[in-house]
Every structure is written in structure tokens, then in C-alpha cells.
C-alpha atoms as a PDB file:
ATOM      1  CA  MET A   1     -15.224  10.710  -5.078  1.00  0.00           C
ATOM      2  CA  MET A   2     -12.158   8.945  -6.491  1.00  0.00           C
ATOM      3  CA  ILE A   3      -9.280   8.288  -4.118  1.00  0.00           C
ATOM      4  CA  ASP A   4      -5.713   7.214  -4.754  1.00  0.00           C
ATOM      5  CA  ALA A   5      -5.206   4.839  -1.825  1.00  0.00           C
ATOM      6  CA  HIS A   6      -1.414   4.670  -2.034  1.00  0.00           C
ATOM      7  CA  GLN A   7       1.129   7.322  -3.001  1.00  0.00           C
ATOM      8  CA  HIS A   8       4.357   8.819  -1.665  1.00  0.00           C
ATOM      9  CA  PHE A   9       6.149  12.125  -1.276  1.00  0.00           C
ATOM     10  CA  TRP A  10       9.764  12.305  -0.205  1.00  0.00           C
ATOM     11  CA  GLN A  11      12.828  14.505   0.087  1.00  0.00           C
ATOM     12  CA  PRO A  12      16.046  12.443  -0.237  1.00  0.00           C
ATOM     13  CA  LEU A  13      18.069  15.207   1.424  1.00  0.00           C
ATOM     14  CA  ARG A  14      16.356  14.225   4.675  1.00  0.00           C
ATOM     15  CA  GLY A  15      18.710  11.232   4.625  1.00  0.00           C
ATOM     16  CA  ASP A  16      16.500   8.380   5.852  1.00  0.00           C
ATOM     17  CA  TYR A  17      15.368   6.707   2.613  1.00  0.00           C
ATOM     18  CA  HIS A  18      17.970   3.995   2.960  1.00  0.00           C
ATOM     19  CA  TRP A  19      16.421   1.695   0.336  1.00  0.00           C
ATOM     20  CA  MET A  20      16.608   4.343  -2.385  1.00  0.00           C
ATOM     21  CA  PRO A  21      19.309   3.831  -5.054  1.00  0.00           C
ATOM     22  CA  GLN A  22      21.241   7.071  -5.228  1.00  0.00           C
ATOM     23  CA  ASP A  23      21.943   6.730  -8.952  1.00  0.00           C
ATOM     24  CA  ASN A  24      18.317   6.236  -9.984  1.00  0.00           C
ATOM     25  CA  LYS A  25      17.156   9.421 -11.699  1.00  0.00           C
ATOM     26  CA  ILE A  26      13.472   8.577 -11.265  1.00  0.00           C
ATOM     27  CA  LEU A  27      13.520   7.776  -7.552  1.00  0.00           C
ATOM     28  CA  SER A  28      16.389   9.780  -6.077  1.00  0.00           C
ATOM     29  CA  ARG A  29      14.800  13.204  -6.407  1.00  0.00           C
ATOM     30  CA  ALA A  30      12.318  15.150  -4.329  1.00  0.00           C
ATOM     31  CA  TYR A  31       8.586  14.636  -4.848  1.00  0.00           C
ATOM     32  CA  ALA A  32       6.167  17.104  -3.276  1.00  0.00           C
ATOM     33  CA  PRO A  33       2.422  17.822  -3.443  1.00  0.00           C
ATOM     34  CA  ALA A  34       2.908  20.393  -6.200  1.00  0.00           C
ATOM     35  CA  ASP A  35       4.354  17.644  -8.418  1.00  0.00           C
ATOM     36  CA  LEU A  36       1.151  15.603  -8.215  1.00  0.00           C
ATOM     37  CA  GLU A  37      -1.661  18.120  -7.816  1.00  0.00           C
ATOM     38  CA  GLN A  38      -2.368  18.770 -11.510  1.00  0.00           C
ATOM     39  CA  THR A  39      -2.206  15.057 -12.342  1.00  0.00           C
ATOM     40  CA  LEU A  40      -4.857  14.353  -9.729  1.00  0.00           C
ATOM     41  CA  LYS A  41      -7.058  17.073 -11.197  1.00  0.00           C
ATOM     42  CA  ASP A  42      -6.554  15.695 -14.709  1.00  0.00           C
ATOM     43  CA  HIS A  43      -7.910  12.326 -13.579  1.00  0.00           C
ATOM     44  CA  CYS A  44     -10.667  13.706 -11.312  1.00  0.00           C
ATOM     45  CA  ILE A  45      -9.076  12.216  -8.193  1.00  0.00           C
ATOM     46  CA  SER A  46     -10.238  14.079  -5.118  1.00  0.00           C
ATOM     47  CA  GLY A  47      -7.848  12.781  -2.479  1.00  0.00           C
ATOM     48  CA  THR A  48      -4.956  10.503  -1.650  1.00  0.00           C
ATOM     49  CA  VAL A  49      -3.553   8.361   1.126  1.00  0.00           C
ATOM     50  CA  LEU A  50       0.083   9.271   1.737  1.00  0.00           C
ATOM     51  CA  VAL A  51       2.146   6.242   2.768  1.00  0.00           C
ATOM     52  CA  GLN A  52       5.501   6.060   4.542  1.00  0.00           C
ATOM     53  CA  ALA A  53       8.678   5.372   2.593  1.00  0.00           C
ATOM     54  CA  ALA A  54      11.275   5.627   5.363  1.00  0.00           C
ATOM     55  CA  ALA A  55      11.678   3.617   8.548  1.00  0.00           C
ATOM     56  CA  THR A  56      11.710   6.645  10.846  1.00  0.00           C
ATOM     57  CA  ILE A  57       9.217   8.520  12.975  1.00  0.00           C
ATOM     58  CA  ASN A  58      10.739  11.732  11.647  1.00  0.00           C
ATOM     59  CA  GLU A  59       9.417  10.917   8.180  1.00  0.00           C
ATOM     60  CA  THR A  60       5.946  10.320   9.625  1.00  0.00           C
ATOM     61  CA  GLU A  61       6.073  13.768  11.215  1.00  0.00           C
ATOM     62  CA  TYR A  62       7.215  15.184   7.855  1.00  0.00           C
ATOM     63  CA  MET A  63       4.250  13.572   6.078  1.00  0.00           C
ATOM     64  CA  LEU A  64       1.770  14.838   8.657  1.00  0.00           C
ATOM     65  CA  GLY A  65       3.154  18.318   8.099  1.00  0.00           C
ATOM     66  CA  LEU A  66       2.523  17.926   4.369  1.00  0.00           C
ATOM     67  CA  ALA A  67      -0.989  16.663   5.109  1.00  0.00           C
ATOM     68  CA  ASP A  68      -1.740  19.654   7.316  1.00  0.00           C
ATOM     69  CA  ALA A  69      -0.843  21.959   4.429  1.00  0.00           C
ATOM     70  CA  THR A  70      -2.396  19.914   1.591  1.00  0.00           C
ATOM     71  CA  PRO A  71      -6.170  19.406   1.401  1.00  0.00           C
ATOM     72  CA  PHE A  72      -5.991  16.533  -1.096  1.00  0.00           C
ATOM     73  CA  ILE A  73      -3.962  14.400   1.343  1.00  0.00           C
ATOM     74  CA  LYS A  74      -6.824  12.774   3.217  1.00  0.00           C
ATOM     75  CA  GLY A  75      -4.683  10.641   5.506  1.00  0.00           C
ATOM     76  CA  VAL A  76      -1.196   9.392   6.356  1.00  0.00           C
ATOM     77  CA  VAL A  77       0.058   5.850   6.951  1.00  0.00           C
ATOM     78  CA  GLY A  78       3.184   6.199   9.044  1.00  0.00           C
ATOM     79  CA  TRP A  79       5.818   4.160  10.830  1.00  0.00           C
ATOM     80  CA  ILE A  80       6.955   3.292  14.338  1.00  0.00           C
ATOM     81  CA  ASP A  81       9.716   0.963  15.464  1.00  0.00           C
ATOM     82  CA  PHE A  82       8.046  -2.337  16.324  1.00  0.00           C
ATOM     83  CA  GLU A  83      11.280  -3.399  18.034  1.00  0.00           C
ATOM     84  CA  ARG A  84      11.071  -0.546  20.562  1.00  0.00           C
ATOM     85  CA  PRO A  85       8.166  -0.915  23.026  1.00  0.00           C
ATOM     86  CA  ASP A  86       8.817   2.671  24.119  1.00  0.00           C
ATOM     87  CA  ASP A  87       7.479   3.732  20.722  1.00  0.00           C
ATOM     88  CA  LEU A  88       3.997   3.042  22.066  1.00  0.00           C
ATOM     89  CA  ALA A  89       4.109   6.606  23.374  1.00  0.00           C
ATOM     90  CA  HIS A  90       4.842   7.876  19.863  1.00  0.00           C
ATOM     91  CA  LEU A  91       2.016   5.796  18.429  1.00  0.00           C
ATOM     92  CA  LYS A  92      -0.478   7.187  20.936  1.00  0.00           C
ATOM     93  CA  ARG A  93       0.690  10.729  20.196  1.00  0.00           C
ATOM     94  CA  LEU A  94       0.463  10.231  16.431  1.00  0.00           C
ATOM     95  CA  ALA A  95      -2.977   8.629  16.741  1.00  0.00           C
ATOM     96  CA  ALA A  96      -4.304  11.919  18.072  1.00  0.00           C
ATOM     97  CA  HIS A  97      -3.593  13.640  14.743  1.00  0.00           C
ATOM     98  CA  PRO A  98      -6.798  13.800  12.663  1.00  0.00           C
ATOM     99  CA  LYS A  99      -5.020  12.636   9.498  1.00  0.00           C
ATOM    100  CA  PHE A 100      -2.985   9.819  11.020  1.00  0.00           C
ATOM    101  CA  LEU A 101      -4.474   6.529   9.856  1.00  0.00           C
ATOM    102  CA  GLY A 102      -2.127   3.741  10.855  1.00  0.00           C
ATOM    103  CA  VAL A 103       1.286   2.198  10.360  1.00  0.00           C
ATOM    104  CA  ARG A 104       3.323   0.203   7.880  1.00  0.00           C
ATOM    105  CA  PRO A 105       6.503  -1.578   8.968  1.00  0.00           C
ATOM    106  CA  MET A 106       8.738  -2.177   5.939  1.00  0.00           C
ATOM    107  CA  ILE A 107       8.525  -5.956   6.198  1.00  0.00           C
ATOM    108  CA  GLN A 108       9.615  -6.533   2.611  1.00  0.00           C
ATOM    109  CA  ASP A 109      13.064  -5.160   3.505  1.00  0.00           C
ATOM    110  CA  ILE A 110      13.544  -7.261   6.657  1.00  0.00           C
ATOM    111  CA  PRO A 111      15.724 -10.348   5.969  1.00  0.00           C
ATOM    112  CA  ASP A 112      13.911 -12.492   8.552  1.00  0.00           C
ATOM    113  CA  THR A 113      10.706 -13.739   6.899  1.00  0.00           C
ATOM    114  CA  ASP A 114       9.367 -14.697  10.342  1.00  0.00           C
ATOM    115  CA  TRP A 115       9.981 -11.251  11.843  1.00  0.00           C
ATOM    116  CA  MET A 116       6.284 -10.420  12.096  1.00  0.00           C
ATOM    117  CA  LEU A 117       5.688 -13.466  14.336  1.00  0.00           C
ATOM    118  CA  ARG A 118       8.402 -12.628  16.884  1.00  0.00           C
ATOM    119  CA  ASP A 119       7.113 -12.465  20.457  1.00  0.00           C
ATOM    120  CA  ASP A 120       8.909  -9.201  21.210  1.00  0.00           C
ATOM    121  CA  ILE A 121       7.004  -7.166  18.605  1.00  0.00           C
ATOM    122  CA  GLN A 122       3.467  -8.385  19.319  1.00  0.00           C
ATOM    123  CA  TRP A 123       2.888  -5.378  21.572  1.00  0.00           C
ATOM    124  CA  ALA A 124       2.755  -3.200  18.438  1.00  0.00           C
ATOM    125  CA  PHE A 125       0.039  -5.238  16.739  1.00  0.00           C
ATOM    126  CA  ARG A 126      -1.983  -5.207  19.962  1.00  0.00           C
ATOM    127  CA  ALA A 127      -1.564  -1.422  20.122  1.00  0.00           C
ATOM    128  CA  VAL A 128      -2.775  -1.015  16.532  1.00  0.00           C
ATOM    129  CA  VAL A 129      -5.916  -2.910  17.510  1.00  0.00           C
ATOM    130  CA  ASP A 130      -6.400  -1.093  20.817  1.00  0.00           C
ATOM    131  CA  LEU A 131      -6.016   2.325  19.171  1.00  0.00           C
ATOM    132  CA  ASP A 132      -8.272   1.287  16.261  1.00  0.00           C
ATOM    133  CA  LEU A 133      -5.610   2.125  13.681  1.00  0.00           C
ATOM    134  CA  THR A 134      -4.938   0.502  10.319  1.00  0.00           C
ATOM    135  CA  PHE A 135      -2.121  -1.854   9.363  1.00  0.00           C
ATOM    136  CA  ASP A 136      -0.673  -1.814   5.845  1.00  0.00           C
ATOM    137  CA  ALA A 137       0.865  -5.234   5.192  1.00  0.00           C
ATOM    138  CA  LEU A 138       3.896  -4.838   2.932  1.00  0.00           C
ATOM    139  CA  GLY A 139       5.591  -8.004   1.762  1.00  0.00           C
ATOM    140  CA  PHE A 140       6.343 -10.499  -0.972  1.00  0.00           C
ATOM    141  CA  PRO A 141       4.683 -13.813  -1.827  1.00  0.00           C
ATOM    142  CA  ARG A 142       7.048 -15.577   0.594  1.00  0.00           C
ATOM    143  CA  HIS A 143       5.340 -13.663   3.417  1.00  0.00           C
ATOM    144  CA  LEU A 144       1.822 -14.860   2.584  1.00  0.00           C
ATOM    145  CA  PRO A 145       1.688 -17.775   5.080  1.00  0.00           C
ATOM    146  CA  ASN A 146       2.971 -15.622   7.933  1.00  0.00           C
ATOM    147  CA  PHE A 147       0.551 -12.802   7.173  1.00  0.00           C
ATOM    148  CA  LEU A 148      -2.244 -15.351   7.301  1.00  0.00           C
ATOM    149  CA  THR A 149      -1.058 -16.516  10.729  1.00  0.00           C
ATOM    150  CA  LEU A 150      -0.642 -12.950  11.973  1.00  0.00           C
ATOM    151  CA  VAL A 151      -3.973 -11.563  10.813  1.00  0.00           C
ATOM    152  CA  LYS A 152      -5.889 -14.569  12.118  1.00  0.00           C
ATOM    153  CA  ARG A 153      -4.171 -13.947  15.470  1.00  0.00           C
ATOM    154  CA  TYR A 154      -5.594 -10.386  15.491  1.00  0.00           C
ATOM    155  CA  PRO A 155      -9.008 -10.670  13.798  1.00  0.00           C
ATOM    156  CA  ALA A 156     -10.022  -7.174  14.937  1.00  0.00           C
ATOM    157  CA  MET A 157      -7.037  -5.533  13.242  1.00  0.00           C
ATOM    158  CA  ARG A 158      -7.950  -3.446  10.186  1.00  0.00           C
ATOM    159  CA  VAL A 159      -5.535  -4.770   7.554  1.00  0.00           C
ATOM    160  CA  VAL A 160      -4.898  -3.977   3.915  1.00  0.00           C
ATOM    161  CA  TYR A 161      -2.469  -6.026   1.820  1.00  0.00           C
ATOM    162  CA  ASP A 162      -0.294  -3.643  -0.168  1.00  0.00           C
ATOM    163  CA  HIS A 163       0.436  -4.065  -3.880  1.00  0.00           C
ATOM    164  CA  CYS A 164      -1.462  -7.379  -4.150  1.00  0.00           C
ATOM    165  CA  MET A 165       1.450  -8.762  -2.075  1.00  0.00           C
ATOM    166  CA  LYS A 166       3.853  -8.166  -4.974  1.00  0.00           C
ATOM    167  CA  PRO A 167       3.443 -11.138  -7.309  1.00  0.00           C
ATOM    168  CA  GLN A 168       6.614 -11.494  -9.378  1.00  0.00           C
ATOM    169  CA  ILE A 169       4.976 -10.843 -12.732  1.00  0.00           C
ATOM    170  CA  ARG A 170       8.322 -10.509 -14.497  1.00  0.00           C
ATOM    171  CA  ASP A 171       8.998 -14.163 -13.674  1.00  0.00           C
ATOM    172  CA  GLN A 172       5.685 -15.217 -15.178  1.00  0.00           C
ATOM    173  CA  ARG A 173       6.533 -13.435 -18.406  1.00  0.00           C
ATOM    174  CA  ALA A 174       9.908 -15.171 -18.467  1.00  0.00           C
ATOM    175  CA  GLY A 175       8.217 -18.567 -18.320  1.00  0.00           C
ATOM    176  CA  ARG A 176       8.519 -19.209 -14.594  1.00  0.00           C
ATOM    177  CA  ASP A 177       5.360 -19.705 -12.547  1.00  0.00           C
ATOM    178  CA  ALA A 178       4.684 -16.627 -10.462  1.00  0.00           C
ATOM    179  CA  PHE A 179       0.939 -17.166 -10.287  1.00  0.00           C
ATOM    180  CA  GLY A 180       0.221 -20.522  -8.647  1.00  0.00           C
ATOM    181  CA  LEU A 181       1.503 -20.240  -5.068  1.00  0.00           C
ATOM    182  CA  TRP A 182       0.781 -16.499  -4.983  1.00  0.00           C
ATOM    183  CA  ALA A 183      -2.806 -17.057  -6.113  1.00  0.00           C
ATOM    184  CA  GLU A 184      -3.356 -19.754  -3.493  1.00  0.00           C
ATOM    185  CA  GLY A 185      -1.911 -17.591  -0.718  1.00  0.00           C
ATOM    186  CA  ILE A 186      -3.898 -14.514  -1.719  1.00  0.00           C
ATOM    187  CA  ALA A 187      -7.091 -16.548  -1.889  1.00  0.00           C
ATOM    188  CA  ARG A 188      -6.528 -17.784   1.651  1.00  0.00           C
ATOM    189  CA  LEU A 189      -5.946 -14.240   2.906  1.00  0.00           C
ATOM    190  CA  ALA A 190      -9.158 -13.142   1.228  1.00  0.00           C
ATOM    191  CA  GLY A 191     -11.212 -16.076   2.445  1.00  0.00           C
ATOM    192  CA  GLU A 192      -9.859 -16.545   5.966  1.00  0.00           C
ATOM    193  CA  THR A 193      -9.321 -12.927   7.052  1.00  0.00           C
ATOM    194  CA  GLY A 194     -11.300  -9.728   6.806  1.00  0.00           C
ATOM    195  CA  GLY A 195      -8.379  -7.927   5.170  1.00  0.00           C
ATOM    196  CA  PHE A 196      -8.564  -5.652   2.159  1.00  0.00           C
ATOM    197  CA  CYS A 197      -6.212  -5.512  -0.846  1.00  0.00           C
ATOM    198  CA  LYS A 198      -4.612  -2.670  -2.792  1.00  0.00           C
ATOM    199  CA  LEU A 199      -4.730  -2.911  -6.569  1.00  0.00           C
ATOM    200  CA  SER A 200      -1.366  -1.215  -6.845  1.00  0.00           C
ATOM    201  CA  GLY A 201       2.274  -1.945  -7.529  1.00  0.00           C
ATOM    202  CA  LEU A 202       1.634  -4.436 -10.333  1.00  0.00           C
ATOM    203  CA  VAL A 203       3.479  -2.495 -13.019  1.00  0.00           C
ATOM    204  CA  THR A 204       6.666  -2.351 -10.972  1.00  0.00           C
ATOM    205  CA  GLU A 205       6.591  -6.122 -10.494  1.00  0.00           C
ATOM    206  CA  ALA A 206       6.307  -6.577 -14.278  1.00  0.00           C
ATOM    207  CA  ASP A 207       9.253  -6.354 -16.645  1.00  0.00           C
ATOM    208  CA  ALA A 208      10.115  -3.533 -19.017  1.00  0.00           C
ATOM    209  CA  GLY A 209       7.810  -3.689 -22.007  1.00  0.00           C
ATOM    210  CA  TRP A 210       4.893  -5.033 -19.958  1.00  0.00           C
ATOM    211  CA  ASP A 211       1.382  -4.882 -21.368  1.00  0.00           C
ATOM    212  CA  ILE A 212      -2.059  -5.173 -19.840  1.00  0.00           C
ATOM    213  CA  ASP A 213      -2.272  -8.888 -20.541  1.00  0.00           C
ATOM    214  CA  ASP A 214       0.724  -9.474 -18.255  1.00  0.00           C
ATOM    215  CA  LEU A 215      -1.205  -7.874 -15.386  1.00  0.00           C
ATOM    216  CA  ARG A 216      -4.706  -9.116 -16.108  1.00  0.00           C
ATOM    217  CA  PRO A 217      -4.549 -12.606 -14.487  1.00  0.00           C
ATOM    218  CA  PHE A 218      -3.280 -11.103 -11.238  1.00  0.00           C
ATOM    219  CA  ALA A 219      -5.795  -8.251 -11.143  1.00  0.00           C
ATOM    220  CA  ASP A 220      -8.655 -10.586 -12.083  1.00  0.00           C
ATOM    221  CA  HIS A 221      -7.722 -12.986  -9.298  1.00  0.00           C
ATOM    222  CA  VAL A 222      -7.581 -10.256  -6.641  1.00  0.00           C
ATOM    223  CA  LEU A 223     -10.948  -8.872  -7.729  1.00  0.00           C
ATOM    224  CA  LYS A 224     -12.449 -12.363  -7.726  1.00  0.00           C
ATOM    225  CA  VAL A 225     -11.270 -13.509  -4.297  1.00  0.00           C
ATOM    226  CA  PHE A 226     -11.647 -10.221  -2.401  1.00  0.00           C
ATOM    227  CA  GLY A 227     -14.554  -8.770  -4.334  1.00  0.00           C
ATOM    228  CA  PRO A 228     -14.588  -5.113  -5.464  1.00  0.00           C
ATOM    229  CA  GLU A 229     -15.847  -4.014  -2.043  1.00  0.00           C
ATOM    230  CA  ARG A 230     -12.496  -5.069  -0.506  1.00  0.00           C
ATOM    231  CA  VAL A 231     -10.163  -3.828  -3.256  1.00  0.00           C
ATOM    232  CA  MET A 232      -8.836  -0.267  -3.474  1.00  0.00           C
ATOM    233  CA  TRP A 233      -6.843   1.249  -6.316  1.00  0.00           C
ATOM    234  CA  GLY A 234      -3.549   2.984  -5.605  1.00  0.00           C
ATOM    235  CA  SER A 235      -1.009   4.590  -7.896  1.00  0.00           C
ATOM    236  CA  ASP A 236       2.146   3.835  -5.886  1.00  0.00           C
ATOM    237  CA  TRP A 237       3.402   7.076  -7.433  1.00  0.00           C
ATOM    238  CA  PRO A 238       6.227   7.940  -7.878  1.00  0.00           C
ATOM    239  CA  VAL A 239       7.514   4.342  -7.607  1.00  0.00           C
ATOM    240  CA  CYS A 240       5.226   3.412 -10.503  1.00  0.00           C
ATOM    241  CA  ARG A 241       7.277   5.750 -12.693  1.00  0.00           C
ATOM    242  CA  LEU A 242       9.908   3.027 -12.917  1.00  0.00           C
ATOM    243  CA  GLN A 243       7.545   1.330 -15.401  1.00  0.00           C
ATOM    244  CA  ALA A 244       4.654   3.713 -16.113  1.00  0.00           C
ATOM    245  CA  GLU A 245       3.559   7.272 -15.586  1.00  0.00           C
ATOM    246  CA  TYR A 246       0.621   7.966 -13.293  1.00  0.00           C
ATOM    247  CA  GLY A 247      -1.906   8.328 -16.098  1.00  0.00           C
ATOM    248  CA  ASP A 248      -0.752   5.179 -17.864  1.00  0.00           C
ATOM    249  CA  TRP A 249      -1.257   3.042 -14.758  1.00  0.00           C
ATOM    250  CA  PHE A 250      -4.566   4.753 -13.952  1.00  0.00           C
ATOM    251  CA  GLU A 251      -5.927   4.041 -17.436  1.00  0.00           C
ATOM    252  CA  THR A 252      -4.611   0.473 -17.285  1.00  0.00           C
ATOM    253  CA  ALA A 253      -6.394  -0.067 -13.972  1.00  0.00           C
ATOM    254  CA  ARG A 254      -9.584   1.365 -15.448  1.00  0.00           C
ATOM    255  CA  ALA A 255      -9.273  -1.102 -18.322  1.00  0.00           C
ATOM    256  CA  LEU A 256      -8.614  -3.989 -15.925  1.00  0.00           C
ATOM    257  CA  THR A 257     -11.863  -3.176 -14.131  1.00  0.00           C
ATOM    258  CA  ALA A 258     -13.926  -2.400 -17.242  1.00  0.00           C
ATOM    259  CA  ASP A 259     -16.108  -5.488 -16.794  1.00  0.00           C
ATOM    260  CA  LEU A 260     -17.304  -4.348 -13.367  1.00  0.00           C
ATOM    261  CA  ASP A 261     -20.567  -2.484 -13.047  1.00  0.00           C
ATOM    262  CA  GLU A 262     -20.564   1.185 -12.100  1.00  0.00           C
ATOM    263  CA  ALA A 263     -21.102   0.578  -8.399  1.00  0.00           C
ATOM    264  CA  ALA A 264     -18.282  -1.966  -8.199  1.00  0.00           C
ATOM    265  CA  ARG A 265     -15.840   0.326 -10.016  1.00  0.00           C
ATOM    266  CA  ALA A 266     -16.780   3.135  -7.651  1.00  0.00           C
ATOM    267  CA  GLU A 267     -15.765   0.871  -4.780  1.00  0.00           C
ATOM    268  CA  VAL A 268     -12.352   0.084  -6.292  1.00  0.00           C
ATOM    269  CA  PHE A 269     -11.596   3.704  -7.173  1.00  0.00           C
ATOM    270  CA  GLY A 270     -12.736   5.355  -3.977  1.00  0.00           C
ATOM    271  CA  GLY A 271     -15.466   3.814  -1.900  1.00  0.00           C
ATOM    272  CA  CYS A 272     -13.416   0.968  -0.479  1.00  0.00           C
ATOM    273  CA  ALA A 273     -10.519   3.226   0.552  1.00  0.00           C
ATOM    274  CA  ALA A 274     -12.892   5.754   2.097  1.00  0.00           C
ATOM    275  CA  ARG A 275     -14.536   3.064   4.223  1.00  0.00           C
ATOM    276  CA  PHE A 276     -11.388   1.220   5.217  1.00  0.00           C
ATOM    277  CA  TYR A 277      -9.403   4.318   6.167  1.00  0.00           C
ATOM    278  CA  ARG A 278     -12.516   6.195   7.373  1.00  0.00           C
ATOM    279  CA  LEU A 279     -11.730   9.208   5.238  1.00  0.00           C
ATOM    280  CA  SER A 280     -13.874  12.294   5.477  1.00  0.00           C
END
């Protein structure tokens, strides 16, 4: 069973996608299950993990409603306000939903790089552990040291590092080193924590006109340090459409993993996500 471990649906008219550029014709439109269903069938993908894209509990409720009505949505990664301890009640309520998997604070959008280490939000990480939920770690290479500190603080927390922690591939292509410090930080996360990694988001960190060779060193490194059993493929659709359509990125990812044996590829394209998120 192949699984897309990271995709989004949204309705901009809901009014809480504050990061979304209103003049971007690709992003600032509604995306619903009907827009993706045939594409999934075309690529023999049986299910998806639907991930939050707005910093509101209302959007999490919206996604769970979509999941209730859509068999191919196997689970939902939502959001709570880590700065509001009262949101523990919301987290406990959401955790009772059979398709609620865990949470993802939008750390990449928070100006304070050290936000995740603040004393006043540690209650939320403890609650994720206590409720046996998952934590999607969303950040940039500058966040790598703090994620290492955080995840080692909570070794029982089930963590997946989104989008390979967003290496700035466009900088590498322009002649600036985007690989060295990122590669070192990712290797430490892989070696010193039990976290998993999503093979996703690479095309949107590359420049226009990217090709597979721009992505290959980054994908190869992630597969090497985590191993296929801790790497899960995700489309990051529709965000990926900024640089590639769903099928283009899927086929690129298949090519990037062509040297793996059949069992290892099955892990990357389904088995790992099913185990990590405990999908039925």
C-alpha cells in the first residue's frame, strides 16, 4: 500500500491561512479531496496524511470533517496553540478522534528561533508524549540544533522531521553552500534521536528550472543517515505545484530511490508512514 505522508487541503475563504500570498494563483485557491482523488488513483496511492496549513484549531476541525467524509485520508496532523495551556483540553478532545494523529506548530514562521525551547510551552510537548501522539517538526536548517536539543529532551516523543528540514537547494545551485551545515545537522538528528524524516518539500526549496541532480545529494544523504525504514515520501501537494505537479515530483522521488531494493522502496513509499502514524 503506497501512502502520501504529507499533503494539504484548504479553503482560503475560511480566512486563517495568514501565510498565503493572496496574489499567487497556484496557492490562493481552494483545494479539496475531489481535486486530488484521480491523481492518487493514477499513481496507485491508497491513502494520505492530511497536514495542517493554518495556525487555528478551527482548521483542524475542518480537516477532521474532510477525513470523516474521505476514505483515502487515513489521518490528520493538526494544530493547537502551544502558548495557551488551556488548549490541553482541545488536544485531549481531538486525540479521541480515530483519524487524529498529532500536531504541527508552524515553527518555520515563528521569528524566535529558540521558541521551541521556551519554558512556558513545554507542557505541550509533554502532552504529546502523554497522549502518545505524533509531532511533525517543521523548520529550516537554522532550527536543527534546537530540534536536536528538544527531541533529546523528550526521547519518547514520536517525531518526524518535515521536508528534510528544508535545505536551501536554490542557494546550492547559485554557488552558495547549502549542504554542509544542513547535512551535519540532519545526520545528528538521525543518529542521536529516534526521529523519522519526510522525503518531501525538496522541489519547493530548489529554484525554477531545477532538475533531479539538484535534489539528489540531499535525498541521498537523508536516505543514508536515516535509512529507508525511517524515511517516508510525501507530496506536499499543492505546495509542490509551485515547482512541479504531483506526478512530476512522484516520478522524481521514484527515480531518486531507484537504487533501493524493493523492500526498502516499499518502506519509503508507504511502510514507514504506516508504522510511524499507525495507519490502518
